[in-house]
Amino acid sequence: VSDPRISTGTGIETERTGKLFERLGFKGAGLMF
């Protein structure tokens, strides 16, 4: 896999989790509704 993806959709500490993903090299790639 050249581009592993990860998301947060549980509503548990969403902002904190997103910041963690960014610190680990992930970049935003869309939105979940």
PDB file of all heavy atoms in Angstrom:
ATOM      1  N   VAL A   1       0.862  -1.187   0.000  1.00  0.00           N
ATOM      2  CA  VAL A   1       0.000   0.000   0.000  1.00  0.00           C
ATOM      3  C   VAL A   1       0.898   1.237   0.000  1.00  0.00           C
ATOM      4  O   VAL A   1       1.719   1.406   0.887  1.00  0.00           O
ATOM      5  CB  VAL A   1      -0.928   0.014   1.240  1.00  0.00           C
ATOM      6  CG1 VAL A   1      -1.750   1.285   1.278  1.00  0.00           C
ATOM      7  CG2 VAL A   1      -1.818  -1.217   1.259  1.00  0.00           C
ATOM      8  N   SER A   2       0.724   2.105  -0.992  1.00  0.00           N
ATOM      9  CA  SER A   2       1.559   3.308  -1.045  1.00  0.00           C
ATOM     10  C   SER A   2       0.964   4.463  -0.242  1.00  0.00           C
ATOM     11  O   SER A   2       1.683   5.377   0.135  1.00  0.00           O
ATOM     12  CB  SER A   2       1.781   3.740  -2.494  1.00  0.00           C
ATOM     13  OG  SER A   2       0.543   4.075  -3.092  1.00  0.00           O
ATOM     14  N   ASP A   3      -0.325   4.414   0.034  1.00  0.00           N
ATOM     15  CA  ASP A   3      -0.999   5.527   0.705  1.00  0.00           C
ATOM     16  C   ASP A   3      -1.995   4.998   1.747  1.00  0.00           C
ATOM     17  O   ASP A   3      -3.209   5.056   1.546  1.00  0.00           O
ATOM     18  CB  ASP A   3      -1.718   6.395  -0.338  1.00  0.00           C
ATOM     19  CG  ASP A   3      -2.373   7.620   0.249  1.00  0.00           C
ATOM     20  OD1 ASP A   3      -1.936   8.096   1.313  1.00  0.00           O
ATOM     21  OD2 ASP A   3      -3.346   8.113  -0.355  1.00  0.00           O
ATOM     22  N   PRO A   4      -1.510   4.465   2.879  1.00  0.00           N
ATOM     23  CA  PRO A   4      -2.440   3.993   3.909  1.00  0.00           C
ATOM     24  C   PRO A   4      -3.332   5.140   4.389  1.00  0.00           C
ATOM     25  O   PRO A   4      -2.881   6.287   4.469  1.00  0.00           O
ATOM     26  CB  PRO A   4      -1.520   3.528   5.049  1.00  0.00           C
ATOM     27  CG  PRO A   4      -0.185   3.330   4.418  1.00  0.00           C
ATOM     28  CD  PRO A   4      -0.115   4.298   3.282  1.00  0.00           C
ATOM     29  N   ARG A   5      -4.595   4.831   4.666  1.00  0.00           N
ATOM     30  CA  ARG A   5      -5.537   5.845   5.144  1.00  0.00           C
ATOM     31  C   ARG A   5      -6.055   5.485   6.523  1.00  0.00           C
ATOM     32  O   ARG A   5      -6.127   4.320   6.881  1.00  0.00           O
ATOM     33  CB  ARG A   5      -6.689   6.009   4.156  1.00  0.00           C
ATOM     34  CG  ARG A   5      -6.227   6.782   2.923  1.00  0.00           C
ATOM     35  CD  ARG A   5      -7.255   6.797   1.857  1.00  0.00           C
ATOM     36  NE  ARG A   5      -7.172   5.484   1.182  1.00  0.00           N
ATOM     37  CZ  ARG A   5      -8.105   5.011   0.394  1.00  0.00           C
ATOM     38  NH1 ARG A   5      -9.186   5.685   0.152  1.00  0.00           N
ATOM     39  NH2 ARG A   5      -7.962   3.842  -0.182  1.00  0.00           N
ATOM     40  N   ILE A   6      -6.414   6.524   7.257  1.00  0.00           N
ATOM     41  CA  ILE A   6      -6.943   6.346   8.605  1.00  0.00           C
ATOM     42  C   ILE A   6      -7.970   7.443   8.847  1.00  0.00           C
ATOM     43  O   ILE A   6      -7.882   8.518   8.244  1.00  0.00           O
ATOM     44  CB  ILE A   6      -5.799   6.365   9.654  1.00  0.00           C
ATOM     45  CG1 ILE A   6      -6.267   5.793  10.975  1.00  0.00           C
ATOM     46  CG2 ILE A   6      -5.186   7.750   9.778  1.00  0.00           C
ATOM     47  CD1 ILE A   6      -5.126   5.371  11.888  1.00  0.00           C
ATOM     48  N   SER A   7      -8.943   7.164   9.684  1.00  0.00           N
ATOM     49  CA  SER A   7     -10.000   8.149   9.905  1.00  0.00           C
ATOM     50  C   SER A   7     -10.463   8.114  11.351  1.00  0.00           C
ATOM     51  O   SER A   7     -10.077   7.229  12.117  1.00  0.00           O
ATOM     52  CB  SER A   7     -11.187   7.863   8.974  1.00  0.00           C
ATOM     53  OG  SER A   7     -11.748   6.605   9.304  1.00  0.00           O
ATOM     54  N   THR A   8     -11.293   9.067  11.690  1.00  0.00           N
ATOM     55  CA  THR A   8     -11.945   9.076  12.983  1.00  0.00           C
ATOM     56  C   THR A   8     -13.408   9.423  12.763  1.00  0.00           C
ATOM     57  O   THR A   8     -13.722  10.453  12.192  1.00  0.00           O
ATOM     58  CB  THR A   8     -11.269  10.035  13.982  1.00  0.00           C
ATOM     59  OG1 THR A   8     -11.999  10.006  15.204  1.00  0.00           O
ATOM     60  CG2 THR A   8     -11.162  11.450  13.462  1.00  0.00           C
ATOM     61  N   GLY A   9     -14.284   8.527  13.140  1.00  0.00           N
ATOM     62  CA  GLY A   9     -15.711   8.749  12.924  1.00  0.00           C
ATOM     63  C   GLY A   9     -16.551   8.414  14.140  1.00  0.00           C
ATOM     64  O   GLY A   9     -17.768   8.416  14.074  1.00  0.00           O
ATOM     65  N   THR A  10     -15.892   8.124  15.268  1.00  0.00           N
ATOM     66  CA  THR A  10     -16.623   7.702  16.460  1.00  0.00           C
ATOM     67  C   THR A  10     -17.164   8.856  17.280  1.00  0.00           C
ATOM     68  O   THR A  10     -18.032   8.657  18.115  1.00  0.00           O
ATOM     69  CB  THR A  10     -15.717   6.873  17.385  1.00  0.00           C
ATOM     70  OG1 THR A  10     -14.606   7.689  17.778  1.00  0.00           O
ATOM     71  CG2 THR A  10     -15.249   5.594  16.717  1.00  0.00           C
ATOM     72  N   GLY A  11     -16.600  10.050  17.065  1.00  0.00           N
ATOM     73  CA  GLY A  11     -16.971  11.185  17.903  1.00  0.00           C
ATOM     74  C   GLY A  11     -16.196  11.215  19.212  1.00  0.00           C
ATOM     75  O   GLY A  11     -16.476  12.036  20.080  1.00  0.00           O
ATOM     76  N   ILE A  12     -15.216  10.346  19.372  1.00  0.00           N
ATOM     77  CA  ILE A  12     -14.388  10.312  20.584  1.00  0.00           C
ATOM     78  C   ILE A  12     -13.138  11.153  20.345  1.00  0.00           C
ATOM     79  O   ILE A  12     -12.310  10.812  19.511  1.00  0.00           O
ATOM     80  CB  ILE A  12     -13.978   8.871  20.946  1.00  0.00           C
ATOM     81  CG1 ILE A  12     -15.205   7.988  21.159  1.00  0.00           C
ATOM     82  CG2 ILE A  12     -13.082   8.864  22.183  1.00  0.00           C
ATOM     83  CD1 ILE A  12     -14.893   6.509  21.327  1.00  0.00           C
ATOM     84  N   GLU A  13     -13.028  12.262  21.028  1.00  0.00           N
ATOM     85  CA  GLU A  13     -11.840  13.127  20.954  1.00  0.00           C
ATOM     86  C   GLU A  13     -11.391  13.350  19.511  1.00  0.00           C
ATOM     87  O   GLU A  13     -10.219  13.198  19.176  1.00  0.00           O
ATOM     88  CB  GLU A  13     -10.717  12.554  21.812  1.00  0.00           C
ATOM     89  CG  GLU A  13     -11.093  12.462  23.283  1.00  0.00           C
ATOM     90  CD  GLU A  13      -9.924  12.151  24.199  1.00  0.00           C
ATOM     91  OE1 GLU A  13      -8.782  12.540  23.870  1.00  0.00           O
ATOM     92  OE2 GLU A  13     -10.168  11.546  25.252  1.00  0.00           O
ATOM     93  N   THR A  14     -12.329  13.754  18.675  1.00  0.00           N
ATOM     94  CA  THR A  14     -12.089  13.873  17.238  1.00  0.00           C
ATOM     95  C   THR A  14     -10.934  14.824  16.912  1.00  0.00           C
ATOM     96  O   THR A  14     -10.046  14.490  16.121  1.00  0.00           O
ATOM     97  CB  THR A  14     -13.376  14.324  16.528  1.00  0.00           C
ATOM     98  OG1 THR A  14     -14.395  13.348  16.803  1.00  0.00           O
ATOM     99  CG2 THR A  14     -13.184  14.437  15.032  1.00  0.00           C
ATOM    100  N   GLU A  15     -10.937  16.015  17.494  1.00  0.00           N
ATOM    101  CA  GLU A  15      -9.871  16.976  17.178  1.00  0.00           C
ATOM    102  C   GLU A  15      -8.511  16.469  17.626  1.00  0.00           C
ATOM    103  O   GLU A  15      -7.530  16.571  16.886  1.00  0.00           O
ATOM    104  CB  GLU A  15     -10.177  18.325  17.822  1.00  0.00           C
ATOM    105  CG  GLU A  15     -11.264  19.091  17.093  1.00  0.00           C
ATOM    106  CD  GLU A  15     -11.434  20.502  17.649  1.00  0.00           C
ATOM    107  OE1 GLU A  15     -10.425  21.130  18.024  1.00  0.00           O
ATOM    108  OE2 GLU A  15     -12.580  20.959  17.687  1.00  0.00           O
ATOM    109  N   ARG A  16      -8.449  15.921  18.816  1.00  0.00           N
ATOM    110  CA  ARG A  16      -7.184  15.397  19.347  1.00  0.00           C
ATOM    111  C   ARG A  16      -6.670  14.256  18.467  1.00  0.00           C
ATOM    112  O   ARG A  16      -5.491  14.180  18.155  1.00  0.00           O
ATOM    113  CB  ARG A  16      -7.395  14.919  20.784  1.00  0.00           C
ATOM    114  CG  ARG A  16      -6.162  14.413  21.458  1.00  0.00           C
ATOM    115  CD  ARG A  16      -6.470  14.033  22.889  1.00  0.00           C
ATOM    116  NE  ARG A  16      -5.304  13.515  23.555  1.00  0.00           N
ATOM    117  CZ  ARG A  16      -5.339  12.862  24.687  1.00  0.00           C
ATOM    118  NH1 ARG A  16      -6.482  12.671  25.313  1.00  0.00           N
ATOM    119  NH2 ARG A  16      -4.234  12.412  25.226  1.00  0.00           N
ATOM    120  N   THR A  17      -7.572  13.387  18.046  1.00  0.00           N
ATOM    121  CA  THR A  17      -7.188  12.263  17.198  1.00  0.00           C
ATOM    122  C   THR A  17      -6.701  12.762  15.846  1.00  0.00           C
ATOM    123  O   THR A  17      -5.687  12.282  15.322  1.00  0.00           O
ATOM    124  CB  THR A  17      -8.369  11.291  17.033  1.00  0.00           C
ATOM    125  OG1 THR A  17      -8.808  10.861  18.327  1.00  0.00           O
ATOM    126  CG2 THR A  17      -7.979  10.085  16.202  1.00  0.00           C
ATOM    127  N   GLY A  18      -7.405  13.734  15.274  1.00  0.00           N
ATOM    128  CA  GLY A  18      -6.974  14.303  13.994  1.00  0.00           C
ATOM    129  C   GLY A  18      -5.590  14.922  14.080  1.00  0.00           C
ATOM    130  O   GLY A  18      -4.760  14.751  13.172  1.00  0.00           O
ATOM    131  N   LYS A  19      -5.327  15.633  15.167  1.00  0.00           N
ATOM    132  CA  LYS A  19      -3.995  16.233  15.348  1.00  0.00           C
ATOM    133  C   LYS A  19      -2.920  15.155  15.477  1.00  0.00           C
ATOM    134  O   LYS A  19      -1.810  15.312  14.971  1.00  0.00           O
ATOM    135  CB  LYS A  19      -3.997  17.153  16.564  1.00  0.00           C
ATOM    136  CG  LYS A  19      -4.766  18.428  16.310  1.00  0.00           C
ATOM    137  CD  LYS A  19      -4.816  19.308  17.542  1.00  0.00           C
ATOM    138  CE  LYS A  19      -5.650  20.552  17.226  1.00  0.00           C
ATOM    139  NZ  LYS A  19      -5.857  21.395  18.391  1.00  0.00           N
ATOM    140  N   LEU A  20      -3.258  14.071  16.143  1.00  0.00           N
ATOM    141  CA  LEU A  20      -2.310  12.958  16.247  1.00  0.00           C
ATOM    142  C   LEU A  20      -2.003  12.400  14.867  1.00  0.00           C
ATOM    143  O   LEU A  20      -0.837  12.195  14.510  1.00  0.00           O
ATOM    144  CB  LEU A  20      -2.875  11.852  17.145  1.00  0.00           C
ATOM    145  CG  LEU A  20      -2.067  10.548  17.145  1.00  0.00           C
ATOM    146  CD1 LEU A  20      -0.709  10.749  17.807  1.00  0.00           C
ATOM    147  CD2 LEU A  20      -2.845   9.440  17.815  1.00  0.00           C
ATOM    148  N   PHE A  21      -3.039  12.166  14.067  1.00  0.00           N
ATOM    149  CA  PHE A  21      -2.824  11.636  12.722  1.00  0.00           C
ATOM    150  C   PHE A  21      -1.927  12.574  11.910  1.00  0.00           C
ATOM    151  O   PHE A  21      -1.038  12.110  11.197  1.00  0.00           O
ATOM    152  CB  PHE A  21      -4.149  11.409  11.999  1.00  0.00           C
ATOM    153  CG  PHE A  21      -5.027  10.329  12.594  1.00  0.00           C
ATOM    154  CD1 PHE A  21      -6.369  10.293  12.312  1.00  0.00           C
ATOM    155  CD2 PHE A  21      -4.514   9.345  13.431  1.00  0.00           C
ATOM    156  CE1 PHE A  21      -7.194   9.305  12.839  1.00  0.00           C
ATOM    157  CE2 PHE A  21      -5.320   8.350  13.969  1.00  0.00           C
ATOM    158  CZ  PHE A  21      -6.666   8.329  13.670  1.00  0.00           C
ATOM    159  N   GLU A  22      -2.151  13.871  12.017  1.00  0.00           N
ATOM    160  CA  GLU A  22      -1.309  14.830  11.296  1.00  0.00           C
ATOM    161  C   GLU A  22       0.134  14.765  11.786  1.00  0.00           C
ATOM    162  O   GLU A  22       1.065  14.799  10.973  1.00  0.00           O
ATOM    163  CB  GLU A  22      -1.876  16.237  11.443  1.00  0.00           C
ATOM    164  CG  GLU A  22      -3.151  16.437  10.648  1.00  0.00           C
ATOM    165  CD  GLU A  22      -3.814  17.788  10.881  1.00  0.00           C
ATOM    166  OE1 GLU A  22      -3.455  18.489  11.862  1.00  0.00           O
ATOM    167  OE2 GLU A  22      -4.695  18.135  10.073  1.00  0.00           O
ATOM    168  N   ARG A  23       0.349  14.660  13.096  1.00  0.00           N
ATOM    169  CA  ARG A  23       1.713  14.548  13.628  1.00  0.00           C
ATOM    170  C   ARG A  23       2.406  13.289  13.118  1.00  0.00           C
ATOM    171  O   ARG A  23       3.636  13.249  13.002  1.00  0.00           O
ATOM    172  CB  ARG A  23       1.704  14.539  15.157  1.00  0.00           C
ATOM    173  CG  ARG A  23       1.538  15.899  15.774  1.00  0.00           C
ATOM    174  CD  ARG A  23       1.906  15.943  17.253  1.00  0.00           C
ATOM    175  NE  ARG A  23       1.353  14.880  18.067  1.00  0.00           N
ATOM    176  CZ  ARG A  23       0.156  14.879  18.635  1.00  0.00           C
ATOM    177  NH1 ARG A  23      -0.649  15.908  18.470  1.00  0.00           N
ATOM    178  NH2 ARG A  23      -0.238  13.868  19.379  1.00  0.00           N
ATOM    179  N   LEU A  24       1.608  12.262  12.810  1.00  0.00           N
ATOM    180  CA  LEU A  24       2.175  11.002  12.327  1.00  0.00           C
ATOM    181  C   LEU A  24       2.282  10.950  10.802  1.00  0.00           C
ATOM    182  O   LEU A  24       2.554   9.901  10.233  1.00  0.00           O
ATOM    183  CB  LEU A  24       1.347   9.828  12.854  1.00  0.00           C
ATOM    184  CG  LEU A  24       1.381   9.672  14.379  1.00  0.00           C
ATOM    185  CD1 LEU A  24       0.447   8.556  14.827  1.00  0.00           C
ATOM    186  CD2 LEU A  24       2.800   9.428  14.876  1.00  0.00           C
ATOM    187  N   GLY A  25       2.063  12.085  10.147  1.00  0.00           N
ATOM    188  CA  GLY A  25       2.306  12.191   8.713  1.00  0.00           C
ATOM    189  C   GLY A  25       1.092  12.146   7.810  1.00  0.00           C
ATOM    190  O   GLY A  25       1.218  12.297   6.598  1.00  0.00           O
ATOM    191  N   PHE A  26      -0.085  11.944   8.376  1.00  0.00           N
ATOM    192  CA  PHE A  26      -1.291  11.899   7.549  1.00  0.00           C
ATOM    193  C   PHE A  26      -1.761  13.317   7.228  1.00  0.00           C
ATOM    194  O   PHE A  26      -1.532  14.240   7.994  1.00  0.00           O
ATOM    195  CB  PHE A  26      -2.412  11.136   8.279  1.00  0.00           C
ATOM    196  CG  PHE A  26      -2.148   9.670   8.415  1.00  0.00           C
ATOM    197  CD1 PHE A  26      -1.502   9.171   9.535  1.00  0.00           C
ATOM    198  CD2 PHE A  26      -2.536   8.781   7.424  1.00  0.00           C
ATOM    199  CE1 PHE A  26      -1.257   7.817   9.669  1.00  0.00           C
ATOM    200  CE2 PHE A  26      -2.293   7.424   7.550  1.00  0.00           C
ATOM    201  CZ  PHE A  26      -1.644   6.937   8.676  1.00  0.00           C
ATOM    202  N   LYS A  27      -2.422  13.442   6.100  1.00  0.00           N
ATOM    203  CA  LYS A  27      -2.979  14.724   5.670  1.00  0.00           C
ATOM    204  C   LYS A  27      -4.471  14.533   5.392  1.00  0.00           C
ATOM    205  O   LYS A  27      -4.893  13.458   4.999  1.00  0.00           O
ATOM    206  CB  LYS A  27      -2.271  15.215   4.416  1.00  0.00           C
ATOM    207  CG  LYS A  27      -0.802  15.519   4.703  1.00  0.00           C
ATOM    208  CD  LYS A  27      -0.037  15.863   3.461  1.00  0.00           C
ATOM    209  CE  LYS A  27       1.426  16.123   3.725  1.00  0.00           C
ATOM    210  NZ  LYS A  27       2.087  15.313   4.711  1.00  0.00           N
ATOM    211  N   GLY A  28      -5.237  15.584   5.604  1.00  0.00           N
ATOM    212  CA  GLY A  28      -6.667  15.514   5.320  1.00  0.00           C
ATOM    213  C   GLY A  28      -6.918  15.100   3.881  1.00  0.00           C
ATOM    214  O   GLY A  28      -6.242  15.560   2.968  1.00  0.00           O
ATOM    215  N   ALA A  29      -7.898  14.220   3.692  1.00  0.00           N
ATOM    216  CA  ALA A  29      -8.182  13.712   2.344  1.00  0.00           C
ATOM    217  C   ALA A  29      -9.683  13.582   2.138  1.00  0.00           C
ATOM    218  O   ALA A  29     -10.170  12.570   1.640  1.00  0.00           O
ATOM    219  CB  ALA A  29      -7.494  12.364   2.144  1.00  0.00           C
ATOM    220  N   GLY A  30     -10.418  14.594   2.537  1.00  0.00           N
ATOM    221  CA  GLY A  30     -11.867  14.537   2.363  1.00  0.00           C
ATOM    222  C   GLY A  30     -12.579  14.762   3.675  1.00  0.00           C
ATOM    223  O   GLY A  30     -11.980  15.114   4.679  1.00  0.00           O
ATOM    224  N   LEU A  31     -13.857  14.559   3.663  1.00  0.00           N
ATOM    225  CA  LEU A  31     -14.704  14.757   4.837  1.00  0.00           C
ATOM    226  C   LEU A  31     -15.642  13.575   4.983  1.00  0.00           C
ATOM    227  O   LEU A  31     -16.018  12.939   3.998  1.00  0.00           O
ATOM    228  CB  LEU A  31     -15.532  16.035   4.703  1.00  0.00           C
ATOM    229  CG  LEU A  31     -14.747  17.335   4.571  1.00  0.00           C
ATOM    230  CD1 LEU A  31     -15.704  18.474   4.210  1.00  0.00           C
ATOM    231  CD2 LEU A  31     -14.011  17.647   5.842  1.00  0.00           C
ATOM    232  N   MET A  32     -16.069  13.309   6.198  1.00  0.00           N
ATOM    233  CA  MET A  32     -17.061  12.271   6.448  1.00  0.00           C
ATOM    234  C   MET A  32     -18.338  12.966   6.931  1.00  0.00           C
ATOM    235  O   MET A  32     -18.274  13.876   7.758  1.00  0.00           O
ATOM    236  CB  MET A  32     -16.579  11.291   7.517  1.00  0.00           C
ATOM    237  CG  MET A  32     -17.616  10.231   7.854  1.00  0.00           C
ATOM    238  SD  MET A  32     -17.102   9.138   9.191  1.00  0.00           S
ATOM    239  CE  MET A  32     -15.940   8.117   8.326  1.00  0.00           C
ATOM    240  N   PHE A  33     -19.474  12.527   6.428  1.00  0.00           N
ATOM    241  CA  PHE A  33     -20.764  13.098   6.815  1.00  0.00           C
ATOM    242  C   PHE A  33     -21.666  11.984   7.293  1.00  0.00           C
ATOM    243  O   PHE A  33     -21.548  10.838   6.855  1.00  0.00           O
ATOM    244  CB  PHE A  33     -21.398  13.826   5.641  1.00  0.00           C
ATOM    245  CG  PHE A  33     -20.637  15.035   5.206  1.00  0.00           C
ATOM    246  CD1 PHE A  33     -19.647  14.920   4.236  1.00  0.00           C
ATOM    247  CD2 PHE A  33     -20.883  16.272   5.771  1.00  0.00           C
ATOM    248  CE1 PHE A  33     -18.929  16.029   3.824  1.00  0.00           C
ATOM    249  CE2 PHE A  33     -20.171  17.381   5.370  1.00  0.00           C
ATOM    250  CZ  PHE A  33     -19.196  17.273   4.393  1.00  0.00           C
TER     251      PHE A  33
END
